[in-house]
Structures are given as C-alpha cells and as structure tokens.
Amino acid sequence: YLPVSPRRLAISLHEADDVARSAIMPVNRRHDLDELIGACHYYVERSGRRLTFEWALIAGRNDDAATARRRGKLLRGTPRFSCFTVFFL
C-alpha cells in the first residue's frame, strides 16, 4: 500500500551506467541503477502515478549521442514516465 499524495516523484539519474553515476552520485554505490529502476517499476505499479527522470547534461561528460542511447535503453519499458533535463554549460 502506498498512500496517495499530491506530490510527484522525481528521480535524478544524470548518468546511464553505474560506474559513471557512482562517480558523481555516491548513493549509487549503495543502490545501483538496476535496483533504482526496479524500485521505479514497483512504485508505478503500486501507485499508478507518473515518474519524472531528471538528467543534468554536463559538457564533455554525459552530453554525447552514445550516452543518450544508453539512457534511452535504461528507461525503455519504464511505464508512465516523463523526462526533465537541466542543461549546464
């Protein structure tokens, strides 16, 4: 059971693989991307609510086409989500 709340859940991804994400988000060392995406699926299935995935584009780090493809692959099959991207120059 998940209580109904007017708030929406936003997930900060910023990277599409565990090694790169752990370098900028230490929490990833404890809860890796597989666990995070699994928890997202669980949340959507139980609550019926949408998720927002945030992605900060960092010049020279995660702003290339290959990383975008990995991000798409990571999120493929995730129901009821939207993305919000913050750009850093």
Protein backbone atom coordinates (compact mmCIF):
# COMPACT_ATOMS: atom_id res chain seq x y z
CA TYR A 1 0.00 0.00 0.00
CA LEU A 2 1.27 3.44 -0.96
CA PRO A 3 -0.56 6.46 0.42
CA VAL A 4 -1.99 8.94 -2.09
CA SER A 5 -0.04 12.18 -2.20
CA PRO A 6 -0.33 15.28 -4.38
CA ARG A 7 3.47 15.25 -4.76
CA ARG A 8 5.26 13.69 -7.71
CA LEU A 9 8.37 11.59 -7.54
CA ALA A 10 11.44 12.85 -9.43
CA ILE A 11 14.48 10.63 -9.91
CA SER A 12 17.88 12.21 -10.57
CA LEU A 13 19.74 9.93 -12.98
CA HIS A 14 22.48 12.07 -14.56
CA GLU A 15 24.29 9.01 -15.95
CA ALA A 16 23.24 5.81 -17.71
CA ASP A 17 25.72 3.34 -16.23
CA ASP A 18 26.75 2.51 -12.69
CA VAL A 19 30.44 3.40 -12.94
CA ALA A 20 29.79 6.90 -14.28
CA ARG A 21 26.82 7.51 -11.98
CA SER A 22 28.76 6.41 -8.89
CA ALA A 23 31.46 8.97 -9.73
CA ILE A 24 29.02 11.87 -9.42
CA MET A 25 26.34 10.34 -7.15
CA PRO A 26 27.82 8.33 -4.26
CA VAL A 27 24.37 6.95 -3.36
CA ASN A 28 24.67 4.80 -6.49
CA ARG A 29 27.33 2.72 -4.75
CA ARG A 30 24.68 1.53 -2.29
CA HIS A 31 21.63 1.49 -4.60
CA ASP A 32 22.71 0.83 -8.19
CA LEU A 33 20.73 1.56 -11.34
CA ASP A 34 19.16 -1.91 -11.53
CA GLU A 35 17.81 -1.52 -8.01
CA LEU A 36 16.66 2.04 -8.70
CA ILE A 37 14.84 1.16 -11.93
CA GLY A 38 13.26 -1.86 -10.22
CA ALA A 39 12.01 0.39 -7.43
CA CYS A 40 10.62 2.80 -10.04
CA HIS A 41 8.67 -0.02 -11.70
CA TYR A 42 7.34 -1.08 -8.30
CA TYR A 43 6.30 2.49 -7.46
CA VAL A 44 4.43 2.97 -10.73
CA GLU A 45 2.72 -0.43 -10.50
CA ARG A 46 1.61 0.13 -6.91
CA SER A 47 0.68 3.81 -7.11
CA GLY A 48 -0.39 4.25 -10.73
CA ARG A 49 1.43 7.60 -10.67
CA ARG A 50 3.91 9.05 -13.13
CA LEU A 51 7.63 9.44 -12.53
CA THR A 52 9.90 12.21 -13.70
CA PHE A 53 13.53 11.42 -14.51
CA GLU A 54 15.94 14.34 -14.26
CA TRP A 55 19.13 14.45 -16.25
CA ALA A 56 21.72 17.19 -15.97
CA LEU A 57 23.73 17.45 -19.17
CA ILE A 58 27.34 18.08 -18.23
CA ALA A 59 29.50 19.27 -21.11
CA GLY A 60 32.08 16.68 -22.08
CA ARG A 61 30.79 14.13 -19.58
CA ASN A 62 27.28 12.94 -20.46
CA ASP A 63 26.18 15.11 -23.36
CA ASP A 64 27.09 12.82 -26.27
CA ALA A 65 24.91 10.64 -28.51
CA ALA A 66 26.23 7.36 -27.05
CA THR A 67 25.17 8.37 -23.54
CA ALA A 68 21.76 9.44 -24.84
CA ARG A 69 21.31 5.98 -26.41
CA ARG A 70 22.30 4.31 -23.11
CA ARG A 71 19.79 6.49 -21.28
CA GLY A 72 17.07 5.50 -23.73
CA LYS A 73 17.93 1.83 -23.30
CA LEU A 74 17.94 2.19 -19.50
CA LEU A 75 14.47 3.77 -19.46
CA ARG A 76 12.94 1.55 -22.15
CA GLY A 77 9.97 -0.29 -20.71
CA THR A 78 9.58 2.07 -17.76
CA PRO A 79 5.85 2.84 -17.66
CA ARG A 80 4.35 6.26 -17.09
CA PHE A 81 7.41 8.47 -17.04
CA SER A 82 8.48 11.84 -18.34
CA CYS A 83 11.93 13.38 -18.53
CA PHE A 84 13.15 16.77 -17.47
CA THR A 85 16.63 17.84 -18.45
CA VAL A 86 18.67 20.61 -16.87
CA PHE A 87 21.49 21.97 -19.02
CA PHE A 88 24.83 23.00 -17.61
CA LEU A 89 27.27 24.86 -19.80
